[in-house]
Each structure stands twice: as C-alpha cells, then as structure tokens.
Amino acid sequence: IAPPISREIDRDSSTLGVQSYKFNPKCEIAQEVGWDTFFELNAEWQVMMDKTGLAHAISMNWWSDMTTMDKDFMSRWIESPLKSLYYSLQVLPDTQDKSDVYAALDNADVDSYLSEILSNENQPVTCDCAE
C-alpha cells in the first residue's frame, strides 16, 4: 500500500524486460504523501488486518531520505502495531534519477567542483595508480 516514487517509472524484469508505466497525473507520489501519513496508513491497515484474525504482517519499507532511523523512530515503531520492516528506500524523485549525477547538489556546488577540476587541467596527475 505504498505510493509510487514517481508518476513515471520503469520496471525491469528478466522475463518481460524494461516496461515503462505512467500513473494518473492526480496520483500522489511518496514525496507528496509524506512519511508520517505513510506510517500511519500502514499502522491502521495492520490493525484492520489483525482484527480479522487471519492477518499477515505488513513488511513495510522505511523511507531513508524522508525520515531518520533514530531513537524516536524506533520508539514509534515499537509502540505501533507494525511487525516488520522490509527495505530502506529512497523515495525522493531526484534520488532515483540517475540521468543527472549532480541531482543532490546545488548548482553552485556543482559549478565550484567542476571549475576546480577544470582550472587544474594543465597540472600533471600525481596519483600512483599502482597503489
């Protein structure tokens, strides 16, 4: 019961290959839903499942780029009806976009980094690649 990470995604399958999917433009993505809402939804879903007497535990992913696994996180988790965590996922759209290797940096940081490299282009390489 997790929202998609993006409105457009690619699924890579060894059977079907890469297939692209587009969600409805009105569909909320993880970043818009937010960690707290996602957590509470899963907790309430687990409560409903437990009340049937036939429940299976939700293996919920936690969003490592929208929350921090610290003492408060663990306290909230332990006090919840949830029983297991699954993967640590990064759900912010730029985190998953591999087309822009500088997506997580401000443009000023990228410019500074690149200008430093380019200004030293006439400098001899001093690393010993055999090490």
C-alpha atoms as a PDB file:
ATOM      1  CA  ILE A   1       0.000   0.000   0.000  1.00  0.00           C
ATOM      2  CA  ALA A   2       2.819   2.348  -0.873  1.00  0.00           C
ATOM      3  CA  PRO A   3       2.540   5.326  -3.200  1.00  0.00           C
ATOM      4  CA  PRO A   4       4.725   5.341  -6.297  1.00  0.00           C
ATOM      5  CA  ILE A   5       8.076   7.127  -6.164  1.00  0.00           C
ATOM      6  CA  SER A   6       7.366   8.974  -9.402  1.00  0.00           C
ATOM      7  CA  ARG A   7       4.464   9.405 -11.815  1.00  0.00           C
ATOM      8  CA  GLU A   8       6.550   7.699 -14.491  1.00  0.00           C
ATOM      9  CA  ILE A   9       8.508   4.561 -13.659  1.00  0.00           C
ATOM     10  CA  ASP A  10      10.413   1.794 -15.410  1.00  0.00           C
ATOM     11  CA  ARG A  11      10.103  -1.794 -14.202  1.00  0.00           C
ATOM     12  CA  ASP A  12      12.942  -4.112 -15.168  1.00  0.00           C
ATOM     13  CA  SER A  13      12.056  -7.792 -15.373  1.00  0.00           C
ATOM     14  CA  SER A  14      14.202 -10.665 -16.576  1.00  0.00           C
ATOM     15  CA  THR A  15      11.041 -12.113 -18.135  1.00  0.00           C
ATOM     16  CA  LEU A  16       9.416  -9.030 -19.662  1.00  0.00           C
ATOM     17  CA  GLY A  17      12.381  -6.672 -19.992  1.00  0.00           C
ATOM     18  CA  VAL A  18      12.030  -2.985 -19.170  1.00  0.00           C
ATOM     19  CA  GLN A  19       8.480  -1.682 -19.242  1.00  0.00           C
ATOM     20  CA  SER A  20       7.504   1.937 -18.626  1.00  0.00           C
ATOM     21  CA  TYR A  21       4.379   2.926 -16.718  1.00  0.00           C
ATOM     22  CA  LYS A  22       2.669   6.262 -16.191  1.00  0.00           C
ATOM     23  CA  PHE A  23       0.441   6.882 -13.190  1.00  0.00           C
ATOM     24  CA  ASN A  24      -2.517   9.246 -13.313  1.00  0.00           C
ATOM     25  CA  PRO A  25      -1.312  12.873 -13.053  1.00  0.00           C
ATOM     26  CA  LYS A  26      -3.504  13.267  -9.941  1.00  0.00           C
ATOM     27  CA  CYS A  27      -1.829  10.302  -8.220  1.00  0.00           C
ATOM     28  CA  GLU A  28       0.104  11.359  -5.118  1.00  0.00           C
ATOM     29  CA  ILE A  29       3.722  10.254  -5.107  1.00  0.00           C
ATOM     30  CA  ALA A  30       5.631   9.313  -1.954  1.00  0.00           C
ATOM     31  CA  GLN A  31       7.184  12.754  -1.521  1.00  0.00           C
ATOM     32  CA  GLU A  32       3.715  14.356  -1.541  1.00  0.00           C
ATOM     33  CA  VAL A  33       2.150  11.767   0.779  1.00  0.00           C
ATOM     34  CA  GLY A  34       4.944  12.141   3.331  1.00  0.00           C
ATOM     35  CA  TRP A  35       6.488   9.689   5.737  1.00  0.00           C
ATOM     36  CA  ASP A  36       4.112  10.317   8.662  1.00  0.00           C
ATOM     37  CA  THR A  37       0.995   9.688   6.574  1.00  0.00           C
ATOM     38  CA  PHE A  38       2.547   6.562   5.045  1.00  0.00           C
ATOM     39  CA  PHE A  39       3.493   5.245   8.500  1.00  0.00           C
ATOM     40  CA  GLU A  40       0.031   5.874   9.960  1.00  0.00           C
ATOM     41  CA  LEU A  41      -1.705   4.304   6.949  1.00  0.00           C
ATOM     42  CA  ASN A  42       0.356   1.137   7.328  1.00  0.00           C
ATOM     43  CA  ALA A  43      -0.238   1.033  11.083  1.00  0.00           C
ATOM     44  CA  GLU A  44      -4.014   1.356  10.643  1.00  0.00           C
ATOM     45  CA  TRP A  45      -4.009  -1.210   7.835  1.00  0.00           C
ATOM     46  CA  GLN A  46      -2.215  -3.652  10.153  1.00  0.00           C
ATOM     47  CA  VAL A  47      -4.837  -3.010  12.869  1.00  0.00           C
ATOM     48  CA  MET A  48      -7.630  -3.858  10.409  1.00  0.00           C
ATOM     49  CA  MET A  49      -5.810  -6.996   9.290  1.00  0.00           C
ATOM     50  CA  ASP A  50      -5.224  -8.082  12.901  1.00  0.00           C
ATOM     51  CA  LYS A  51      -8.953  -7.734  13.660  1.00  0.00           C
ATOM     52  CA  THR A  52      -9.812 -10.341  11.022  1.00  0.00           C
ATOM     53  CA  GLY A  53      -7.895 -12.992  12.932  1.00  0.00           C
ATOM     54  CA  LEU A  54      -6.369 -14.005   9.604  1.00  0.00           C
ATOM     55  CA  ALA A  55      -3.770 -11.269   9.458  1.00  0.00           C
ATOM     56  CA  HIS A  56      -0.458 -11.389   7.734  1.00  0.00           C
ATOM     57  CA  ALA A  57       2.147  -8.915   8.939  1.00  0.00           C
ATOM     58  CA  ILE A  58       2.900  -5.994   6.650  1.00  0.00           C
ATOM     59  CA  SER A  59       6.559  -5.825   5.693  1.00  0.00           C
ATOM     60  CA  MET A  60       6.749  -2.076   5.454  1.00  0.00           C
ATOM     61  CA  ASN A  61       9.568  -0.201   3.736  1.00  0.00           C
ATOM     62  CA  TRP A  62      11.031   2.790   5.511  1.00  0.00           C
ATOM     63  CA  TRP A  63      11.986   5.897   3.576  1.00  0.00           C
ATOM     64  CA  SER A  64      15.578   6.714   4.474  1.00  0.00           C
ATOM     65  CA  ASP A  65      15.583  10.072   2.691  1.00  0.00           C
ATOM     66  CA  MET A  66      12.408  11.279   4.431  1.00  0.00           C
ATOM     67  CA  THR A  67      12.971  10.020   7.978  1.00  0.00           C
ATOM     68  CA  THR A  68      15.886   9.101  10.207  1.00  0.00           C
ATOM     69  CA  MET A  69      16.172   5.783  11.975  1.00  0.00           C
ATOM     70  CA  ASP A  70      16.966   7.052  15.429  1.00  0.00           C
ATOM     71  CA  LYS A  71      15.648   6.544  18.972  1.00  0.00           C
ATOM     72  CA  ASP A  72      12.379   8.376  18.187  1.00  0.00           C
ATOM     73  CA  PHE A  73      11.846   6.293  15.047  1.00  0.00           C
ATOM     74  CA  MET A  74      12.426   3.058  16.949  1.00  0.00           C
ATOM     75  CA  SER A  75      10.150   4.108  19.827  1.00  0.00           C
ATOM     76  CA  ARG A  76       7.359   4.944  17.404  1.00  0.00           C
ATOM     77  CA  TRP A  77       7.885   1.658  15.581  1.00  0.00           C
ATOM     78  CA  ILE A  78       7.896  -0.473  18.736  1.00  0.00           C
ATOM     79  CA  GLU A  79       4.714   1.188  20.011  1.00  0.00           C
ATOM     80  CA  SER A  80       2.936   0.656  16.676  1.00  0.00           C
ATOM     81  CA  PRO A  81       1.039  -2.471  15.576  1.00  0.00           C
ATOM     82  CA  LEU A  82       3.560  -2.977  12.769  1.00  0.00           C
ATOM     83  CA  LYS A  83       5.636  -6.118  12.978  1.00  0.00           C
ATOM     84  CA  SER A  84       8.441  -5.894  10.425  1.00  0.00           C
ATOM     85  CA  LEU A  85      10.462  -3.519   8.296  1.00  0.00           C
ATOM     86  CA  TYR A  86      11.485  -4.520   4.818  1.00  0.00           C
ATOM     87  CA  TYR A  87      13.737  -2.347   2.671  1.00  0.00           C
ATOM     88  CA  SER A  88      15.253   1.048   3.247  1.00  0.00           C
ATOM     89  CA  LEU A  89      14.105   3.013   0.204  1.00  0.00           C
ATOM     90  CA  GLN A  90      14.987   6.427  -1.093  1.00  0.00           C
ATOM     91  CA  VAL A  91      11.759   7.872  -2.442  1.00  0.00           C
ATOM     92  CA  LEU A  92      12.516  11.470  -3.362  1.00  0.00           C
ATOM     93  CA  PRO A  93      12.327  11.731  -7.163  1.00  0.00           C
ATOM     94  CA  ASP A  94      15.819  13.209  -7.661  1.00  0.00           C
ATOM     95  CA  THR A  95      17.341  10.389  -5.619  1.00  0.00           C
ATOM     96  CA  GLN A  96      16.185   7.802  -8.131  1.00  0.00           C
ATOM     97  CA  ASP A  97      17.007   9.860 -11.243  1.00  0.00           C
ATOM     98  CA  LYS A  98      20.326   8.553 -12.499  1.00  0.00           C
ATOM     99  CA  SER A  99      20.280  10.816 -15.569  1.00  0.00           C
ATOM    100  CA  ASP A 100      21.646  13.733 -13.529  1.00  0.00           C
ATOM    101  CA  VAL A 101      24.642  12.683 -11.453  1.00  0.00           C
ATOM    102  CA  TYR A 102      24.623  16.056  -9.677  1.00  0.00           C
ATOM    103  CA  ALA A 103      20.907  15.974  -8.737  1.00  0.00           C
ATOM    104  CA  ALA A 104      21.593  16.008  -4.989  1.00  0.00           C
ATOM    105  CA  LEU A 105      23.882  19.057  -5.195  1.00  0.00           C
ATOM    106  CA  ASP A 106      23.108  22.742  -5.551  1.00  0.00           C
ATOM    107  CA  ASN A 107      24.158  24.255  -8.889  1.00  0.00           C
ATOM    108  CA  ALA A 108      26.686  26.479  -7.087  1.00  0.00           C
ATOM    109  CA  ASP A 109      28.351  23.387  -5.585  1.00  0.00           C
ATOM    110  CA  VAL A 110      28.486  21.678  -8.979  1.00  0.00           C
ATOM    111  CA  ASP A 111      29.931  24.781 -10.646  1.00  0.00           C
ATOM    112  CA  SER A 112      32.552  25.149  -7.913  1.00  0.00           C
ATOM    113  CA  TYR A 113      33.527  21.480  -8.118  1.00  0.00           C
ATOM    114  CA  LEU A 114      33.794  21.470 -11.908  1.00  0.00           C
ATOM    115  CA  SER A 115      35.678  24.773 -12.100  1.00  0.00           C
ATOM    116  CA  GLU A 116      38.214  23.458  -9.579  1.00  0.00           C
ATOM    117  CA  ILE A 117      38.795  20.365 -11.697  1.00  0.00           C
ATOM    118  CA  LEU A 118      38.932  22.274 -14.969  1.00  0.00           C
ATOM    119  CA  SER A 119      41.242  25.003 -13.637  1.00  0.00           C
ATOM    120  CA  ASN A 120      43.811  22.317 -12.812  1.00  0.00           C
ATOM    121  CA  GLU A 121      43.688  20.650 -16.226  1.00  0.00           C
ATOM    122  CA  ASN A 122      47.310  21.594 -17.022  1.00  0.00           C
ATOM    123  CA  GLN A 123      48.555  20.139 -13.751  1.00  0.00           C
ATOM    124  CA  PRO A 124      50.277  16.755 -14.009  1.00  0.00           C
ATOM    125  CA  VAL A 125      48.494  13.812 -12.433  1.00  0.00           C
ATOM    126  CA  THR A 126      50.254  12.979  -9.175  1.00  0.00           C
ATOM    127  CA  CYS A 127      48.493   9.824  -8.091  1.00  0.00           C
ATOM    128  CA  ASP A 128      50.260   6.499  -8.251  1.00  0.00           C
ATOM    129  CA  CYS A 129      47.634   4.274  -9.836  1.00  0.00           C
ATOM    130  CA  ALA A 130      49.630   1.168  -8.931  1.00  0.00           C
ATOM    131  CA  GLU A 131      48.785   1.632  -5.251  1.00  0.00           C
END
